C-alpha cells in the first residue's frame, strides 16, 4: 500500500480525471469543482478469486435481461475507437492500431513511440507530437438506470496493465459533463495494482460537478495485473454497488447525488491512459509500456 500522501495525490487525480473532457466537442466538458479532502479508503481488503467464472444464467434466472454483450470474438463494430489525444496531462495519442482482438481477447496496448496526431479525440483542427500511443473506445449502445429498467449491472472481465504511468479504465459517461453523469466501475493505476478505485460525478450545470467524497480506494488481496478479475457494478436509484469476482466490495451511497444519476444515459468506455492526473510530476522517461486485456463486457437490466 502507498503512503497517505500518495493516496491524497491519487484521490485528487481520480476526481480530476474528467478534465480531459474540456478539449472535446462531444465527449468532454469543462473542469469539475475542486475535490474534497482525500479520506476515502475502504477499510476492508477485497477478496479475489483467480479464474473466477461469471455465470450469466445466475442473473438471467433471477429475472435479469442481458441487453449488451461483447466477447471480443469478432470485430469492434459495437464500439467507437478513439483517435487523438485526451488531455493536457496525458501523454498518449489514442490510435485504432493499439486496440486489437486476438484469440477472443481485447488487447489495449500503450507503446513508447513518436507520432503526430490531433490534440483531442473529437477535434482534428490542432496537431501535436506525442511520445506515447495507446487505445480507448466507447460503446455505441447506451445504458441507463431509469423507471423502465431501475437496476443495471455492468460487468467486465479484465487483466489490468502493469507499469508506471499507466491507468486501466473501465467506466461510463454521457454528454455533457457532468449533466448525464460519470461512473467509474474500476480504475487501476499501473504501479499500484493491488487496489482499484470507484467513483461518480453528476451535476445539473455543464462543467460543475456536485459530488463530494464519492471516490473509494478498494484494496485487494491480489495483483490485479497478474490475472483476470471480474468487475461488476449495480447502478440503481439510490446506490452504486460494486463487486469483484462475485464478492461485495462496497455499496456507495455517499457523494450526495447518486439519485440524480437515475434516468441519465451513458456509454461504456474502456481505455488505457498514459500519464494523466492519476500521476503527480511523472517523468515521461520513466513510463513503462504495457497492455490491458479484456475478455468481455456485459450489461444486464432488471425491472
Protein backbone atom coordinates (compact mmCIF):
# COMPACT_ATOMS: atom_id res chain seq x y z
CA UNK A 1 0.00 0.00 0.00
CA UNK A 2 1.10 3.56 -0.67
CA UNK A 3 1.66 6.32 1.84
CA UNK A 4 -1.07 8.65 2.92
CA UNK A 5 0.46 11.42 0.83
CA UNK A 6 0.39 9.27 -2.27
CA UNK A 7 -3.21 8.33 -1.54
CA UNK A 8 -4.08 12.01 -1.45
CA UNK A 9 -2.46 12.63 -4.80
CA UNK A 10 -4.33 9.70 -6.29
CA UNK A 11 -7.59 10.97 -4.87
CA UNK A 12 -7.06 14.36 -6.48
CA UNK A 13 -6.15 12.61 -9.71
CA UNK A 14 -9.26 10.47 -9.75
CA UNK A 15 -11.65 13.33 -9.16
CA UNK A 16 -9.99 15.45 -11.84
CA UNK A 17 -9.69 12.65 -14.37
CA UNK A 18 -12.59 14.03 -16.35
CA UNK A 19 -10.72 17.28 -17.00
CA UNK A 20 -9.65 15.73 -20.29
CA UNK A 21 -13.18 16.32 -21.50
CA UNK A 22 -12.58 20.05 -21.87
CA UNK A 23 -10.83 19.66 -25.21
CA UNK A 24 -13.56 17.54 -26.81
CA UNK A 25 -16.62 18.78 -28.65
CA UNK A 26 -18.85 15.83 -27.82
CA UNK A 27 -17.30 13.57 -25.19
CA UNK A 28 -15.77 16.27 -22.97
CA UNK A 29 -16.68 19.23 -20.88
CA UNK A 30 -15.11 21.84 -18.56
CA UNK A 31 -13.15 21.17 -15.39
CA UNK A 32 -15.15 19.93 -12.37
CA UNK A 33 -15.23 21.60 -8.99
CA UNK A 34 -12.34 21.20 -6.57
CA UNK A 35 -12.33 17.81 -4.77
CA UNK A 36 -12.96 17.10 -1.13
CA UNK A 37 -10.10 16.02 1.19
CA UNK A 38 -8.64 12.56 0.47
CA UNK A 39 -10.13 10.38 3.17
CA UNK A 40 -11.95 7.60 1.34
CA UNK A 41 -10.08 4.32 1.69
CA UNK A 42 -12.06 1.13 2.10
CA UNK A 43 -11.06 -0.35 5.49
CA UNK A 44 -11.76 -3.85 4.16
CA UNK A 45 -9.50 -5.68 1.73
CA UNK A 46 -11.49 -7.20 -1.12
CA UNK A 47 -11.14 -10.96 -1.54
CA UNK A 48 -10.45 -12.07 -5.11
CA UNK A 49 -10.68 -15.42 -6.89
CA UNK A 50 -8.25 -16.36 -9.65
CA UNK A 51 -10.06 -17.60 -12.76
CA UNK A 52 -13.44 -16.70 -11.29
CA UNK A 53 -16.27 -17.75 -13.63
CA UNK A 54 -19.14 -15.32 -14.01
CA UNK A 55 -22.32 -17.21 -14.87
CA UNK A 56 -24.83 -15.27 -16.95
CA UNK A 57 -27.61 -17.71 -16.14
CA UNK A 58 -27.45 -16.84 -12.45
CA UNK A 59 -28.63 -13.31 -13.21
CA UNK A 60 -30.98 -14.34 -16.02
CA UNK A 61 -32.68 -16.94 -13.81
CA UNK A 62 -33.12 -14.22 -11.20
CA UNK A 63 -35.06 -12.10 -13.67
CA UNK A 64 -32.31 -10.01 -15.25
CA UNK A 65 -32.18 -9.39 -19.01
CA UNK A 66 -28.91 -9.24 -20.92
CA UNK A 67 -29.02 -6.10 -23.07
CA UNK A 68 -25.41 -5.84 -24.24
CA UNK A 69 -22.57 -8.30 -24.71
CA UNK A 70 -19.21 -8.29 -26.46
CA UNK A 71 -16.99 -11.34 -26.03
CA UNK A 72 -14.46 -9.90 -28.46
CA UNK A 73 -14.65 -12.88 -30.78
CA UNK A 74 -15.44 -10.75 -33.83
CA UNK A 75 -14.81 -7.13 -34.73
CA UNK A 76 -15.18 -3.81 -32.89
CA UNK A 77 -18.39 -2.74 -34.62
CA UNK A 78 -20.11 -2.23 -31.26
CA UNK A 79 -17.59 0.46 -30.31
CA UNK A 80 -16.27 3.81 -31.41
CA UNK A 81 -12.47 3.57 -31.27
CA UNK A 82 -10.73 6.81 -30.39
CA UNK A 83 -8.14 8.71 -32.42
CA UNK A 84 -6.19 11.61 -30.92
CA UNK A 85 -5.12 12.94 -27.55
CA UNK A 86 -7.24 13.20 -24.44
CA UNK A 87 -5.99 15.91 -22.11
CA UNK A 88 -3.02 18.10 -21.44
CA UNK A 89 -1.91 15.85 -18.57
CA UNK A 90 -1.99 12.60 -20.57
CA UNK A 91 0.93 11.59 -22.76
CA UNK A 92 -0.73 9.26 -25.25
CA UNK A 93 -2.21 9.64 -28.68
CA UNK A 94 -5.07 7.18 -28.92
CA UNK A 95 -4.86 5.12 -32.12
CA UNK A 96 -7.08 2.35 -33.52
CA UNK A 97 -3.99 0.23 -34.13
CA UNK A 98 -3.40 -0.02 -30.39
CA UNK A 99 -6.77 -1.76 -29.95
CA UNK A 100 -6.69 -5.32 -31.22
CA UNK A 101 -8.66 -8.55 -30.81
CA UNK A 102 -6.60 -11.73 -30.52
CA UNK A 103 -7.91 -15.18 -29.55
CA UNK A 104 -11.13 -13.75 -28.15
CA UNK A 105 -9.40 -11.12 -26.02
CA UNK A 106 -9.41 -7.35 -26.45
CA UNK A 107 -5.88 -6.02 -26.08
CA UNK A 108 -5.30 -2.31 -25.49
CA UNK A 109 -1.58 -1.58 -25.65
CA UNK A 110 0.40 1.50 -24.63
CA UNK A 111 3.61 1.96 -26.61
CA UNK A 112 6.57 4.31 -26.50
CA UNK A 113 6.67 5.77 -30.00
CA UNK A 114 6.65 9.24 -31.51
CA UNK A 115 3.62 10.15 -33.63
CA UNK A 116 1.74 13.23 -34.73
CA UNK A 117 -1.96 13.41 -34.01
CA UNK A 118 -4.88 15.64 -33.10
CA UNK A 119 -4.83 17.11 -29.63
CA UNK A 120 -8.36 15.83 -28.97
CA UNK A 121 -10.27 12.68 -29.86
CA UNK A 122 -13.02 14.76 -31.45
CA UNK A 123 -11.13 17.81 -32.70
CA UNK A 124 -8.78 17.33 -35.63
CA UNK A 125 -8.00 21.01 -36.11
CA UNK A 126 -4.84 21.09 -33.98
CA UNK A 127 -1.96 18.65 -34.38
CA UNK A 128 0.81 17.94 -31.87
CA UNK A 129 3.61 15.46 -31.32
CA UNK A 130 3.13 12.59 -28.86
CA UNK A 131 5.81 10.29 -27.47
CA UNK A 132 3.37 7.54 -26.49
CA UNK A 133 0.39 5.85 -28.13
CA UNK A 134 -2.43 3.82 -26.58
CA UNK A 135 -6.05 2.83 -27.14
CA UNK A 136 -9.52 3.72 -25.94
CA UNK A 137 -13.09 3.20 -27.07
CA UNK A 138 -16.72 3.98 -26.27
CA UNK A 139 -19.73 1.70 -26.70
CA UNK A 140 -22.27 2.71 -29.32
CA UNK A 141 -25.00 1.27 -27.11
CA UNK A 142 -26.18 3.31 -24.15
CA UNK A 143 -27.12 2.29 -20.62
CA UNK A 144 -29.45 3.87 -18.11
CA UNK A 145 -30.89 3.08 -14.71
CA UNK A 146 -34.33 4.57 -15.13
CA UNK A 147 -38.02 3.94 -14.50
CA UNK A 148 -38.22 1.28 -17.22
CA UNK A 149 -35.06 -0.52 -16.02
CA UNK A 150 -34.43 0.62 -12.44
CA UNK A 151 -31.39 -1.62 -12.00
CA UNK A 152 -28.43 -2.06 -14.35
CA UNK A 153 -25.45 -4.34 -13.83
CA UNK A 154 -22.32 -3.62 -15.85
CA UNK A 155 -19.75 -6.44 -15.94
CA UNK A 156 -16.26 -6.84 -17.41
CA UNK A 157 -13.50 -9.42 -17.07
CA UNK A 158 -10.20 -7.54 -17.11
CA UNK A 159 -6.50 -8.08 -16.55
CA UNK A 160 -5.12 -4.64 -15.77
CA UNK A 161 -1.98 -3.22 -17.34
CA UNK A 162 1.10 -3.15 -15.15
CA UNK A 163 3.60 -0.33 -15.40
CA UNK A 164 4.48 3.11 -14.07
CA UNK A 165 2.50 5.78 -15.87
CA UNK A 166 -0.42 3.55 -16.94
CA UNK A 167 -4.05 3.51 -15.80
CA UNK A 168 -6.58 0.84 -16.87
CA UNK A 169 -10.02 2.43 -17.07
CA UNK A 170 -13.48 0.78 -17.07
CA UNK A 171 -16.18 3.43 -16.77
CA UNK A 172 -19.14 5.16 -18.45
CA UNK A 173 -20.23 8.70 -19.13
CA UNK A 174 -22.67 10.80 -21.12
CA UNK A 175 -22.74 14.23 -22.74
CA UNK A 176 -22.34 16.84 -21.49
CA UNK A 177 -20.11 16.55 -18.45
CA UNK A 178 -21.37 16.11 -15.84
CA UNK A 179 -25.05 16.51 -16.69
CA UNK A 180 -25.51 12.85 -17.75
CA UNK A 181 -23.13 11.58 -15.08
CA UNK A 182 -19.83 9.74 -14.99
CA UNK A 183 -19.48 6.35 -13.26
CA UNK A 184 -16.10 4.73 -12.64
CA UNK A 185 -16.59 0.97 -12.27
CA UNK A 186 -12.91 0.10 -11.87
CA UNK A 187 -9.79 2.16 -12.44
CA UNK A 188 -6.41 0.56 -11.75
CA UNK A 189 -3.17 2.54 -11.61
CA UNK A 190 -0.32 0.60 -13.21
CA UNK A 191 2.22 1.00 -10.44
CA UNK A 192 -0.25 0.18 -7.64
CA UNK A 193 -2.18 -2.82 -8.94
CA UNK A 194 -3.26 -4.13 -5.53
CA UNK A 195 -6.21 -1.74 -5.40
CA UNK A 196 -8.80 -0.13 -7.64
CA UNK A 197 -10.99 2.93 -7.38
CA UNK A 198 -14.70 3.53 -7.90
CA UNK A 199 -16.27 6.95 -8.25
CA UNK A 200 -19.03 9.01 -9.83
CA UNK A 201 -19.75 12.58 -10.89
CA UNK A 202 -23.01 14.41 -11.60
CA UNK A 203 -24.15 18.00 -11.89
CA UNK A 204 -27.08 19.95 -13.29
CA UNK A 205 -24.86 22.57 -14.94
CA UNK A 206 -22.24 21.82 -17.60
CA UNK A 207 -18.78 21.80 -16.08
CA UNK A 208 -19.94 21.86 -12.45
CA UNK A 209 -19.57 18.59 -10.54
CA UNK A 210 -21.71 18.48 -7.40
CA UNK A 211 -20.48 15.26 -5.76
CA UNK A 212 -18.21 15.19 -2.72
CA UNK A 213 -16.37 12.27 -1.07
CA UNK A 214 -17.66 9.93 -3.77
CA UNK A 215 -14.40 8.16 -4.59
CA UNK A 216 -13.34 4.99 -2.78
CA UNK A 217 -9.95 3.25 -2.92
CA UNK A 218 -10.52 -0.50 -2.66
CA UNK A 219 -7.50 -2.60 -1.57
CA UNK A 220 -7.44 -6.17 -2.90
CA UNK A 221 -5.63 -9.32 -1.85
CA UNK A 222 -4.23 -9.89 -5.35
CA UNK A 223 -2.21 -8.17 -8.03
CA UNK A 224 -4.90 -7.09 -10.47
CA UNK A 225 -2.41 -7.14 -13.35
CA UNK A 226 -1.36 -10.76 -12.77
CA UNK A 227 -4.69 -12.42 -13.62
CA UNK A 228 -8.16 -11.67 -14.91
CA UNK A 229 -10.78 -10.47 -12.45
CA UNK A 230 -14.50 -9.84 -12.92
CA UNK A 231 -15.62 -6.33 -12.02
CA UNK A 232 -19.33 -5.65 -11.66
CA UNK A 233 -21.28 -2.62 -10.56
CA UNK A 234 -25.02 -2.40 -9.98
CA UNK A 235 -26.41 1.03 -10.76
CA UNK A 236 -29.73 1.63 -9.02
CA UNK A 237 -31.67 4.70 -7.96
CA UNK A 238 -30.02 5.20 -4.58
CA UNK A 239 -26.78 3.23 -4.68
CA UNK A 240 -23.81 2.10 -6.74
CA UNK A 241 -22.88 -1.40 -5.57
CA UNK A 242 -19.50 -2.85 -6.55
CA UNK A 243 -18.35 -6.48 -6.73
CA UNK A 244 -15.10 -8.18 -7.66
CA UNK A 245 -15.13 -11.88 -8.53
CA UNK A 246 -18.64 -12.16 -7.15
CA UNK A 247 -17.76 -10.66 -3.76
CA UNK A 248 -19.35 -7.47 -2.48
CA UNK A 249 -16.77 -4.67 -2.21
CA UNK A 250 -18.87 -1.63 -1.34
CA UNK A 251 -22.30 -0.08 -1.57
CA UNK A 252 -21.75 3.55 -2.46
CA UNK A 253 -24.35 5.95 -1.11
CA UNK A 254 -22.00 8.85 -0.40
CA UNK A 255 -21.41 11.87 -2.60
CA UNK A 256 -24.84 13.32 -2.06
CA UNK A 257 -26.16 12.90 -5.60
CA UNK A 258 -26.48 9.24 -6.56
CA UNK A 259 -30.24 9.65 -7.01
CA UNK A 260 -29.51 12.38 -9.55
CA UNK A 261 -27.89 9.77 -11.82
CA UNK A 262 -31.22 7.97 -12.15
CA UNK A 263 -32.65 8.43 -15.63
CA UNK A 264 -29.36 9.61 -17.15
CA UNK A 265 -27.93 7.98 -20.28
CA UNK A 266 -24.30 6.89 -20.58
CA UNK A 267 -21.94 4.91 -22.83
CA UNK A 268 -19.45 2.33 -21.53
CA UNK A 269 -15.76 3.04 -22.06
CA UNK A 270 -12.54 1.03 -21.93
CA UNK A 271 -9.18 2.78 -22.16
CA UNK A 272 -5.54 2.58 -21.15
CA UNK A 273 -4.30 6.05 -20.22
CA UNK A 274 -0.63 7.04 -20.19
CA UNK A 275 0.15 9.65 -17.55
CA UNK A 276 -2.81 11.82 -16.68
CA UNK A 277 -3.92 13.13 -13.33
CA UNK A 278 -3.50 9.79 -11.59
CA UNK A 279 0.20 10.69 -11.54
CA UNK A 280 1.93 13.63 -9.92
CA UNK A 281 5.06 15.07 -11.56
CA UNK A 282 5.50 11.98 -13.72
CA UNK A 283 8.82 11.83 -15.57
CA UNK A 284 7.82 10.80 -19.13
CA UNK A 285 11.09 8.90 -19.47
CA UNK A 286 10.06 6.51 -16.68
CA UNK A 287 6.79 5.37 -18.26
CA UNK A 288 6.58 1.61 -18.78
CA UNK A 289 4.57 0.43 -21.82
CA UNK A 290 2.02 -2.31 -21.16
CA UNK A 291 -1.25 -3.94 -22.17
CA UNK A 292 -4.75 -4.03 -20.70
CA UNK A 293 -6.65 -7.24 -21.50
CA UNK A 294 -10.47 -7.51 -21.60
CA UNK A 295 -12.24 -10.85 -22.02
CA UNK A 296 -15.79 -9.49 -22.22
CA UNK A 297 -18.19 -6.68 -21.36
CA UNK A 298 -21.83 -7.40 -20.50
CA UNK A 299 -24.79 -5.34 -19.37
CA UNK A 300 -27.92 -6.65 -17.63
CA UNK A 301 -31.09 -4.81 -16.66
CA UNK A 302 -33.84 -5.61 -14.19
CA UNK A 303 -37.39 -4.34 -13.78
